[in-house]
Structure formats: C-alpha cells, structure tokens
Amino acid sequence: MTTDETSIRAAIPRWPKATRQQARAHNTRLVLRTIYEHGPLSRADIARATRLTRTTVSDVVAELIQQGLVEEVGTRPSSGGKPPILLGLVDDARYLIGLDLASDAFRGALVNLRGQVRHQISLPLLSRDGDRALELVREAIDQLIAQADRPLLGIGIGTPGLVDAVRGIVYQAVNLDWRDLPLRALLEQRYHLPVYVANDSHAAALAEYYFGRERDAESLAVVKVERGLGVGIVLSGRLLSGDSFGAGEIGHLRVVDGGEPCRCGHTGCLETVVSTRALLRQAAAIAQGRPDSLLHRWADTPDQISLDAVLEAFQAGDEATRQMVLQMGRYLGFGVATLVSVLGIRHVVLAGSITRFGEPLLEVVRQEARARALERVAGEVQVDLSPLDSDELVILGASALVLARRLGLFSLLRM
C-alpha cells in the first residue's frame, strides 16, 4: 500500500457498528412503519417489503403484538396452503398530547396513532403575561392527562415565535411574553414525558406534509394566517428553520410605509394587513364609519365585531366588507409571490382562520401572485386552501413530530 493510500484510508471516518440493541430498535421501527403505511400485511409481505428475514420479522411482530401496537386482523385467501394471517396497527393503542398555542385560546387534544383527535379542549388566553401563559399550558396538559385512558407517548407543542426545535427553547414569542424559555425542559421535568416543541407554522407544514393533500410533494410552503402570519417551509424534504430559527417569518416584512404599528416594534408589517387582528380592526372601522354597511347595522358597538360577523357580511355581498377581504387577499398574494420567487416552490397551501373566506379570497391571492412573480415561475405554482381543519392543523403537526420521534411512524423530515 502506498503512502497516499494509507493517508486516504486514515482520513476516512470509521463509523461504529450498530449494537444489537440499536439494530433491534431500527428493525422494530421499520416493521411498524411498514404496517402503518401499507397494512394490513402478512409477515411474509413485511419481510419482502423490508428485506428483513422472516425470523426477524416474526420476532419483531411478536413483540409489537405483546405491546398492543399491532394485532392480527384476519386472513387473506390462500393460493395453496395455510391462509396468511394479516397484521394491522391498533390505532388507539397509544395517545399523545398535541397543543396549539398560536391563537386567542390555547387548543389541545388527545390524538391517536393515526392522527385522529379523540378529545379536544380550548382554554382562553386572557392575559399576555408570560407566567400566566406558561401556567395555562400546564393547565391544558393536566386536563388532557386526566382524560387519557391509554398510555401516553409524549407531548407535541406548536407555539408562535422563534423556536429551537432541537433543544425545545422558545427564544422569543412576542404574543406570549416569552423570551429564552426552556419550554421542553420545564415540561419534561414536570410530566416525565418526552416533549417536542416547534414553531406553529412549521408544525402546520408538518401536518400538511403528512396528513394533507400534498403528501407526495417534496417541497411545499404553508402560509398560516391567524392572529399573526407565518410560513412553514418544506424544501426538498427538509423542514427549514433557518440559522436564527426565523425561517418563514414573512409576517414582519414591511409592506406599507407609515402603516399600522406591529407587535414586533416596527410599522406597516405584512401581519398588520393580513391577519385576523387586522381584519377585525378594519371591520370595526367599517362598522363605525360606513352606515351603509351590514357591519354597521349588526353591531351595537364596533368592538363587538367578530370573525363570524365579517364572514356573514362578506357572504351576504356587503361591498365594504368584500373590498376589505379582497385587499387582504392582494397583500397575501404579494407574500406568496415573494415565497415562490425566492424558493421556487410549486405547492403553496393557505391555512388558518382566513381560509374561511374560501374561493373568492383564494382567486385574488392566485391572481396577485401571478402578477408579481416571474411568469414562468408563477405559472407552475399551485395555490390551494388547506383541506385540514384549521382548529386541528397545528395540533396534528405537533402530533406528527411525536409519532416520528417516538415510534418512527414517519420518515421524519430533516430538521
């Protein structure tokens, strides 16, 4: 062997061999995910799909049945010999807790292994004090644990703000008055369960990627509009968080010179013209200043205007309300055009309360995005409304994080 060959070999890292325990854990996750995605399957089917030996598959299946995660669900007609026994996932074998902290009320749910909500709660956030917000998180978890009649896998949380998903730290959440909050560590210490924390828009992207219409897409952007505006981005199978954990924070791009003050400290941010808060603020102004508007007739005082009232006025053809909503759609189209121009993403999903305005809003967003982006790029972009319930979107994304981390039921996005 030459000196050069010796140097090259020395430079190649030597990865330690997997231990028997690591190999067993890998095989268990592989078998369980195969049943989850393609079941019901026979043991022979699983062996062919995973390329594991039949003996290994039989051993893993026996353990999964003992744990209550898998069950025999029947037989397949035989082409000769003994009919093969089929195996399926026990959907309610375990529950997990999913929390959405991104709206005026903290929403939480017990979710099963298929992402089906089994019990749901909503606790109003009456104070923007950080300590009170943390206490409300604990109160939500306490209530859900009390309702759980299955073993719990863990807790997944979608929260607004800049979040280090690896360490579970919320660096800044303006709405919740949190700064450098070690949320995961605090909750794991209290509940002795694994806790996973992500930005709420990033959690929404996970929900769409795993449970939504775009499950075969390698890249997508989810624009989530609630009290604030944020984007979750999956690019070539990678969930983007950014070097400073601020990927997707387009809600704080300035789009209106001299515009309304934003909670971030600037003025004229996209969020000040595209959010439910902006919508209700503008609707209150219509109710007060436009006697011809339905909103004026329906509200004794402008502060009584709700999102339901705005939607009803919009659907009834109230012109002032219609122009307000469509203008919001134009600003949202600008945000979409920015995303697709920078990232080249073809699939954009609109999510959150704003989607209740449906196709009229969606069409304006599409038109504005096409008008503001390069024609070749914009022409290939597909903008749709999320098929998922907006009240469950972040909860499902947070749940997917737990299912991926704890059981390997998804090929977890690179983060």
Protein backbone atom coordinates (compact mmCIF):
# COMPACT_ATOMS: atom_id res chain seq x y z
CA MET A 1 0.00 0.00 0.00
CA THR A 2 1.40 3.41 -0.94
CA THR A 3 1.79 6.30 1.46
CA ASP A 4 -1.00 8.17 -0.35
CA GLU A 5 -3.37 5.20 0.04
CA THR A 6 -2.52 4.97 3.73
CA SER A 7 -3.26 8.67 4.21
CA ILE A 8 -6.57 8.41 2.36
CA ARG A 9 -7.72 5.45 4.41
CA ALA A 10 -6.70 7.17 7.63
CA ALA A 11 -8.79 10.19 6.65
CA ILE A 12 -11.96 8.15 6.10
CA PRO A 13 -14.08 8.20 9.28
CA ARG A 14 -14.72 4.83 10.85
CA TRP A 15 -18.34 4.67 11.96
CA PRO A 16 -19.02 2.42 14.91
CA LYS A 17 -21.02 -0.69 14.16
CA ALA A 18 -24.61 -0.66 15.35
CA THR A 19 -25.11 -2.52 18.58
CA ARG A 20 -27.61 -5.35 18.77
CA GLN A 21 -29.96 -3.07 20.70
CA GLN A 22 -29.71 -0.35 18.02
CA ALA A 23 -30.31 -2.85 15.25
CA ARG A 24 -33.34 -4.20 17.10
CA ALA A 25 -34.77 -0.70 17.54
CA HIS A 26 -34.20 0.04 13.85
CA ASN A 27 -35.93 -3.18 12.77
CA THR A 28 -38.86 -2.54 15.11
CA ARG A 29 -39.41 0.96 13.71
CA LEU A 30 -39.08 -0.32 10.14
CA VAL A 31 -41.65 -3.08 10.65
CA LEU A 32 -44.07 -0.81 12.50
CA ARG A 33 -43.83 1.91 9.83
CA THR A 34 -44.40 -0.64 7.07
CA ILE A 35 -47.57 -1.88 8.76
CA TYR A 36 -48.63 1.72 9.42
CA GLU A 37 -48.22 2.80 5.81
CA HIS A 38 -49.22 -0.33 3.90
CA GLY A 39 -51.14 -2.65 6.23
CA PRO A 40 -52.87 -4.95 6.65
CA LEU A 41 -49.93 -7.14 5.65
CA SER A 42 -48.79 -10.68 6.31
CA ARG A 43 -45.45 -11.46 7.91
CA ALA A 44 -44.18 -12.60 4.51
CA ASP A 45 -45.32 -9.31 2.96
CA ILE A 46 -43.39 -7.38 5.59
CA ALA A 47 -40.26 -9.46 5.07
CA ARG A 48 -40.36 -8.77 1.32
CA ALA A 49 -41.02 -5.05 1.80
CA THR A 50 -38.33 -4.52 4.44
CA ARG A 51 -35.81 -7.12 3.21
CA LEU A 52 -35.56 -8.45 6.72
CA THR A 53 -35.50 -12.19 7.35
CA ARG A 54 -38.79 -13.88 8.17
CA THR A 55 -37.40 -14.89 11.53
CA THR A 56 -36.53 -11.28 12.37
CA VAL A 57 -39.97 -10.10 11.23
CA SER A 58 -41.72 -12.77 13.30
CA ASP A 59 -39.74 -11.81 16.41
CA VAL A 60 -40.46 -8.08 15.96
CA VAL A 61 -44.15 -8.70 15.26
CA ALA A 62 -44.47 -10.86 18.38
CA GLU A 63 -43.04 -8.01 20.46
CA LEU A 64 -45.33 -5.42 18.84
CA ILE A 65 -48.37 -7.62 19.49
CA GLN A 66 -47.30 -8.02 23.12
CA GLN A 67 -47.03 -4.22 23.42
CA GLY A 68 -50.53 -3.86 21.99
CA LEU A 69 -49.38 -1.81 18.99
CA VAL A 70 -50.17 -4.44 16.35
CA GLU A 71 -52.90 -7.05 16.09
CA GLU A 72 -53.92 -9.89 13.79
CA VAL A 73 -56.88 -8.63 11.76
CA GLY A 74 -57.86 -11.60 9.61
CA THR A 75 -56.56 -13.76 6.80
CA ARG A 76 -56.03 -13.45 3.08
CA PRO A 77 -57.40 -16.11 0.71
CA SER A 78 -54.72 -18.72 0.14
CA SER A 79 -53.37 -19.69 -3.26
CA GLY A 80 -52.43 -23.00 -1.72
CA GLY A 81 -51.57 -23.94 1.83
CA LYS A 82 -52.37 -22.13 5.02
CA PRO A 83 -54.06 -18.70 4.56
CA PRO A 84 -51.63 -15.90 5.52
CA ILE A 85 -52.53 -14.01 8.69
CA LEU A 86 -52.80 -10.25 8.20
CA LEU A 87 -51.46 -7.69 10.65
CA GLY A 88 -52.70 -4.16 11.29
CA LEU A 89 -51.93 -1.25 13.55
CA VAL A 90 -54.01 -0.78 16.70
CA ASP A 91 -54.88 2.85 16.08
CA ASP A 92 -55.86 3.62 19.67
CA ALA A 93 -53.08 1.66 21.33
CA ARG A 94 -51.44 4.90 22.42
CA TYR A 95 -52.45 8.53 22.72
CA LEU A 96 -50.33 11.63 22.60
CA ILE A 97 -50.97 15.24 23.54
CA GLY A 98 -50.88 17.96 20.88
CA LEU A 99 -51.05 21.67 21.76
CA ASP A 100 -51.58 24.78 19.63
CA LEU A 101 -50.54 27.99 21.41
CA ALA A 102 -50.91 30.32 18.42
CA SER A 103 -54.40 31.80 18.84
CA ASP A 104 -56.50 33.67 21.39
CA ALA A 105 -57.22 30.34 23.07
CA PHE A 106 -54.78 27.51 23.75
CA ARG A 107 -56.12 24.43 21.97
CA GLY A 108 -55.14 20.93 22.92
CA ALA A 109 -56.12 17.39 22.05
CA LEU A 110 -55.58 13.73 22.74
CA VAL A 111 -54.59 12.22 19.39
CA ASN A 112 -54.25 8.57 18.42
CA LEU A 113 -51.61 6.90 16.24
CA ARG A 114 -53.49 7.81 13.04
CA GLY A 115 -53.68 11.49 13.87
CA GLN A 116 -57.34 11.23 14.85
CA VAL A 117 -58.47 13.59 17.60
CA ARG A 118 -60.13 11.70 20.44
CA HIS A 119 -60.66 14.54 22.91
CA GLN A 120 -60.21 18.28 22.46
CA ILE A 121 -60.12 21.31 24.76
CA SER A 122 -59.81 25.08 24.35
CA LEU A 123 -58.70 27.44 27.11
CA PRO A 124 -58.99 31.21 26.54
CA LEU A 125 -55.79 33.19 26.89
CA LEU A 126 -56.96 36.11 29.00
CA SER A 127 -53.56 37.60 29.75
CA ARG A 128 -50.38 38.24 27.75
CA ASP A 129 -48.28 37.74 30.87
CA GLY A 130 -45.60 35.12 30.24
CA ASP A 131 -46.00 33.34 33.58
CA ARG A 132 -49.77 33.12 33.13
CA ALA A 133 -49.32 31.75 29.59
CA LEU A 134 -47.00 29.04 30.91
CA GLU A 135 -49.46 28.19 33.66
CA LEU A 136 -52.20 27.86 31.05
CA VAL A 137 -50.04 25.38 29.12
CA ARG A 138 -49.74 23.29 32.28
CA GLU A 139 -53.47 23.57 32.89
CA ALA A 140 -54.22 22.30 29.36
CA ILE A 141 -51.84 19.35 29.76
CA ASP A 142 -53.29 18.49 33.18
CA GLN A 143 -56.82 18.41 31.75
CA LEU A 144 -55.79 16.19 28.82
CA ILE A 145 -53.85 13.77 31.01
CA ALA A 146 -56.93 13.43 33.21
CA GLN A 147 -58.96 12.41 30.13
CA ALA A 148 -56.44 9.90 28.77
CA ASP A 149 -57.45 6.25 29.07
CA ARG A 150 -54.50 4.99 27.00
CA PRO A 151 -50.74 5.15 27.62
CA LEU A 152 -49.28 8.49 26.51
CA LEU A 153 -46.40 8.64 24.03
CA GLY A 154 -45.42 12.24 24.61
CA ILE A 155 -46.36 15.89 24.19
CA GLY A 156 -46.05 17.93 20.99
CA ILE A 157 -46.39 21.71 21.04
CA GLY A 158 -46.73 24.30 18.29
CA THR A 159 -46.01 27.79 19.59
CA PRO A 160 -45.61 31.16 17.90
CA GLY A 161 -42.21 32.80 17.83
CA LEU A 162 -38.57 31.86 17.28
CA VAL A 163 -38.16 28.26 18.41
CA ASP A 164 -35.14 25.97 18.61
CA ALA A 165 -36.93 22.71 17.88
CA VAL A 166 -33.87 20.59 18.69
CA ARG A 167 -33.42 21.99 22.20
CA GLY A 168 -37.08 22.89 22.83
CA ILE A 169 -36.33 26.53 23.64
CA VAL A 170 -38.66 29.41 22.75
CA TYR A 171 -36.25 32.28 22.13
CA GLN A 172 -38.94 34.88 21.52
CA ALA A 173 -42.73 34.76 21.40
CA VAL A 174 -43.99 38.33 21.50
CA ASN A 175 -47.67 37.43 21.91
CA LEU A 176 -46.93 35.21 24.89
CA ASP A 177 -44.29 37.42 26.50
CA TRP A 178 -41.75 34.56 26.39
CA ARG A 179 -38.04 35.06 25.90
CA ASP A 180 -35.40 32.31 26.17
CA LEU A 181 -37.96 29.95 27.72
CA PRO A 182 -36.72 26.31 28.06
CA LEU A 183 -40.24 25.00 27.49
CA ARG A 184 -39.29 21.39 26.80
CA ALA A 185 -37.09 21.06 29.89
CA LEU A 186 -39.71 22.64 32.14
CA LEU A 187 -42.48 20.33 30.95
CA GLU A 188 -40.39 17.15 30.86
CA GLN A 189 -39.36 17.80 34.44
CA ARG A 190 -42.99 18.19 35.48
CA TYR A 191 -44.66 15.40 33.49
CA HIS A 192 -41.87 12.85 32.90
CA LEU A 193 -42.95 12.51 29.27
CA PRO A 194 -40.97 13.32 26.10
CA VAL A 195 -41.80 16.85 24.90
CA TYR A 196 -41.24 18.23 21.39
CA VAL A 197 -41.61 21.93 20.59
CA ALA A 198 -41.84 23.62 17.18
CA ASN A 199 -42.90 26.92 15.70
CA ASP A 200 -46.63 26.78 14.99
CA SER A 201 -46.25 27.50 11.25
CA HIS A 202 -43.58 24.81 11.00
CA ALA A 203 -45.94 22.41 12.77
CA ALA A 204 -48.63 23.35 10.22
CA ALA A 205 -46.21 22.41 7.44
CA LEU A 206 -45.65 19.01 9.09
CA ALA A 207 -49.41 18.48 9.24
CA GLU A 208 -49.83 19.26 5.55
CA TYR A 209 -46.82 17.14 4.60
CA TYR A 210 -48.02 14.07 6.47
CA PHE A 211 -51.81 14.39 6.59
CA GLY A 212 -52.78 16.90 3.88
CA ARG A 213 -53.37 16.86 0.16
CA GLU A 214 -49.69 17.36 -0.77
CA ARG A 215 -48.33 14.18 0.76
CA ASP A 216 -46.32 13.33 -2.37
CA ALA A 217 -44.73 16.76 -2.69
CA GLU A 218 -41.03 17.06 -1.84
CA SER A 219 -41.39 20.81 -1.33
CA LEU A 220 -44.26 22.98 -0.11
CA ALA A 221 -44.96 26.19 1.78
CA VAL A 222 -47.83 26.56 4.24
CA VAL A 223 -48.92 30.17 4.78
CA LYS A 224 -50.79 30.21 8.09
CA VAL A 225 -52.91 33.24 8.93
CA GLU A 226 -54.41 33.62 12.38
CA ARG A 227 -53.68 36.44 14.84
CA GLY A 228 -50.32 36.58 13.12
CA LEU A 229 -48.89 35.40 9.81
CA GLY A 230 -46.16 32.82 9.41
CA VAL A 231 -44.92 30.30 6.89
CA GLY A 232 -43.76 26.72 7.30
CA ILE A 233 -41.45 25.60 4.51
CA VAL A 234 -40.51 22.10 3.42
CA LEU A 235 -37.79 22.27 0.76
CA SER A 236 -36.58 19.04 -0.86
CA GLY A 237 -37.69 17.03 2.16
CA ARG A 238 -36.14 19.40 4.69
CA LEU A 239 -38.15 21.46 7.18
CA LEU A 240 -36.47 24.85 7.18
CA SER A 241 -35.93 26.63 10.48
CA GLY A 242 -33.12 29.00 9.48
CA ASP A 243 -29.84 29.89 11.19
CA SER A 244 -31.70 32.16 13.63
CA PHE A 245 -34.83 29.92 13.75
CA GLY A 246 -36.77 32.64 11.87
CA ALA A 247 -37.38 30.95 8.52
CA GLY A 248 -40.87 31.80 7.26
CA GLU A 249 -41.38 34.95 9.37
CA ILE A 250 -42.61 36.94 6.36
CA GLY A 251 -45.34 38.46 8.52
CA HIS A 252 -42.78 41.04 9.61
CA LEU A 253 -41.78 42.22 6.15
CA ARG A 254 -42.67 45.90 5.81
CA VAL A 255 -45.22 46.33 3.02
CA VAL A 256 -46.95 49.61 3.96
CA ASP A 257 -44.85 52.74 4.52
CA GLY A 258 -46.20 54.59 7.53
CA GLY A 259 -48.62 51.76 8.22
CA GLU A 260 -50.08 50.43 11.45
CA PRO A 261 -47.78 49.64 14.39
CA CYS A 262 -46.85 45.96 14.61
CA ARG A 263 -46.34 43.99 17.82
CA CYS A 264 -42.72 43.42 16.71
CA GLY A 265 -41.99 47.12 17.20
CA HIS A 266 -41.99 48.13 13.52
CA THR A 267 -44.80 49.60 11.41
CA GLY A 268 -46.52 48.50 8.23
CA CYS A 269 -45.59 44.81 8.50
CA LEU A 270 -47.46 42.30 6.33
CA GLU A 271 -49.07 40.97 9.51
CA THR A 272 -50.68 44.37 10.16
CA VAL A 273 -52.73 43.99 6.95
CA VAL A 274 -53.04 40.19 6.73
CA SER A 275 -54.22 38.60 9.99
CA THR A 276 -57.45 38.14 11.89
CA ARG A 277 -56.43 41.03 14.14
CA ALA A 278 -56.03 43.29 11.11
CA LEU A 279 -59.33 42.04 9.71
CA LEU A 280 -61.26 42.80 12.90
CA ARG A 281 -59.61 46.19 13.29
CA GLN A 282 -60.60 47.18 9.75
CA ALA A 283 -64.09 45.70 10.19
CA ALA A 284 -64.60 47.80 13.33
CA ALA A 285 -63.64 50.90 11.33
CA ILE A 286 -66.23 49.97 8.69
CA ALA A 287 -68.90 49.41 11.34
CA GLN A 288 -68.18 52.83 12.79
CA GLY A 289 -67.72 54.85 9.61
CA ARG A 290 -69.91 53.20 6.98
CA PRO A 291 -73.63 53.44 7.90
CA ASP A 292 -74.49 51.65 4.64
CA SER A 293 -72.53 48.56 5.69
CA LEU A 294 -74.11 45.46 7.18
CA LEU A 295 -71.42 45.54 9.84
CA HIS A 296 -72.71 48.93 10.98
CA ARG A 297 -76.25 47.61 11.25
CA TRP A 298 -75.29 44.41 13.05
CA ALA A 299 -73.02 45.87 15.72
CA ASP A 300 -74.19 47.96 18.66
CA THR A 301 -70.54 48.94 19.14
CA PRO A 302 -67.58 48.37 16.74
CA ASP A 303 -65.71 46.23 19.26
CA GLN A 304 -68.50 43.64 19.08
CA ILE A 305 -67.49 42.67 15.53
CA SER A 306 -66.38 39.03 15.32
CA LEU A 307 -64.83 36.96 12.56
CA ASP A 308 -68.16 35.17 12.15
CA ALA A 309 -69.91 38.52 11.59
CA VAL A 310 -67.33 39.57 8.99
CA LEU A 311 -67.72 36.26 7.17
CA GLU A 312 -71.51 36.59 7.19
CA ALA A 313 -71.35 40.14 5.81
CA PHE A 314 -68.88 39.01 3.13
CA GLN A 315 -71.10 36.12 2.05
CA ALA A 316 -74.15 38.43 2.04
CA GLY A 317 -72.41 40.64 -0.52
CA ASP A 318 -71.65 43.65 1.68
CA GLU A 319 -69.45 45.77 -0.60
CA ALA A 320 -67.28 47.40 2.05
CA THR A 321 -66.56 44.04 3.67
CA ARG A 322 -65.89 42.45 0.29
CA GLN A 323 -63.34 45.12 -0.67
CA MET A 324 -61.61 44.78 2.70
CA VAL A 325 -61.25 40.99 2.38
CA LEU A 326 -60.10 41.11 -1.25
CA GLN A 327 -57.50 43.77 -0.44
CA MET A 328 -56.19 41.44 2.24
CA GLY A 329 -56.00 38.75 -0.44
CA ARG A 330 -53.87 41.04 -2.62
CA TYR A 331 -51.39 41.60 0.17
CA LEU A 332 -51.35 37.86 0.81
CA GLY A 333 -50.69 37.29 -2.90
CA PHE A 334 -47.65 39.56 -2.58
CA GLY A 335 -46.37 37.33 0.23
CA VAL A 336 -46.92 34.21 -1.86
CA ALA A 337 -45.11 35.78 -4.84
CA THR A 338 -42.15 36.55 -2.59
CA LEU A 339 -42.00 32.94 -1.39
CA VAL A 340 -42.17 31.30 -4.80
CA SER A 341 -39.72 33.78 -6.32
CA VAL A 342 -37.09 33.14 -3.66
CA LEU A 343 -37.61 29.40 -3.14
CA GLY A 344 -39.02 28.17 -6.45
CA ILE A 345 -41.69 26.17 -4.60
CA ARG A 346 -44.61 24.89 -6.70
CA HIS A 347 -47.04 24.00 -3.91
CA VAL A 348 -48.38 26.70 -1.59
CA VAL A 349 -51.12 25.95 0.94
CA LEU A 350 -53.13 28.65 2.70
CA ALA A 351 -54.19 27.70 6.21
CA GLY A 352 -55.76 29.22 9.30
CA SER A 353 -58.92 31.20 10.02
CA ILE A 354 -58.51 33.38 6.93
CA THR A 355 -59.32 30.39 4.70
CA ARG A 356 -62.96 30.60 5.79
CA PHE A 357 -63.40 33.24 3.06
CA GLY A 358 -62.87 30.45 0.54
CA GLU A 359 -62.55 30.58 -3.23
CA PRO A 360 -63.09 34.37 -3.71
CA LEU A 361 -60.11 35.10 -1.47
CA LEU A 362 -58.07 32.27 -2.99
CA GLU A 363 -58.60 33.53 -6.53
CA VAL A 364 -57.36 37.02 -5.64
CA VAL A 365 -54.26 35.51 -4.00
CA ARG A 366 -53.55 33.46 -7.12
CA GLN A 367 -54.01 36.45 -9.44
CA GLU A 368 -51.77 38.71 -7.37
CA ALA A 369 -49.07 36.05 -7.04
CA ARG A 370 -49.01 35.51 -10.80
CA ALA A 371 -48.90 39.25 -11.46
CA ARG A 372 -45.93 39.82 -9.12
CA ALA A 373 -43.72 36.81 -9.89
CA LEU A 374 -41.78 35.78 -12.98
CA GLU A 375 -44.31 34.34 -15.41
CA ARG A 376 -42.54 31.01 -15.86
CA VAL A 377 -42.25 30.54 -12.10
CA ALA A 378 -45.75 31.78 -11.22
CA GLY A 379 -47.37 29.73 -13.96
CA GLU A 380 -46.26 26.49 -12.33
CA VAL A 381 -47.35 27.42 -8.80
CA GLN A 382 -50.37 25.68 -7.31
CA VAL A 383 -52.02 27.68 -4.50
CA ASP A 384 -54.75 25.86 -2.56
CA LEU A 385 -56.68 26.05 0.67
CA SER A 386 -55.73 23.54 3.31
CA PRO A 387 -58.05 20.50 3.41
CA LEU A 388 -57.38 20.15 7.14
CA ASP A 389 -59.46 21.66 9.93
CA SER A 390 -57.77 24.93 10.92
CA ASP A 391 -58.53 24.23 14.60
CA GLU A 392 -56.58 20.97 14.38
CA LEU A 393 -53.79 21.89 11.96
CA VAL A 394 -51.04 22.79 14.44
CA ILE A 395 -52.16 20.03 16.80
CA LEU A 396 -51.75 17.47 14.01
CA GLY A 397 -48.32 18.81 13.10
CA ALA A 398 -47.15 18.67 16.69
CA SER A 399 -48.58 15.14 16.91
CA ALA A 400 -46.70 14.09 13.78
CA LEU A 401 -43.49 15.23 15.47
CA VAL A 402 -44.18 12.95 18.44
CA LEU A 403 -45.15 9.98 16.24
CA ALA A 404 -41.99 10.37 14.18
CA ARG A 405 -39.64 10.80 17.12
CA ARG A 406 -41.15 8.17 19.40
CA LEU A 407 -42.27 5.38 17.05
CA GLY A 408 -40.69 6.19 13.70
CA LEU A 409 -44.11 6.11 12.03
CA PHE A 410 -42.97 8.79 9.58
CA SER A 411 -39.68 9.29 7.83
CA LEU A 412 -39.02 12.45 9.83
CA LEU A 413 -38.11 15.50 7.79
CA ARG A 414 -34.52 16.61 8.16
CA MET A 415 -34.55 19.48 10.64
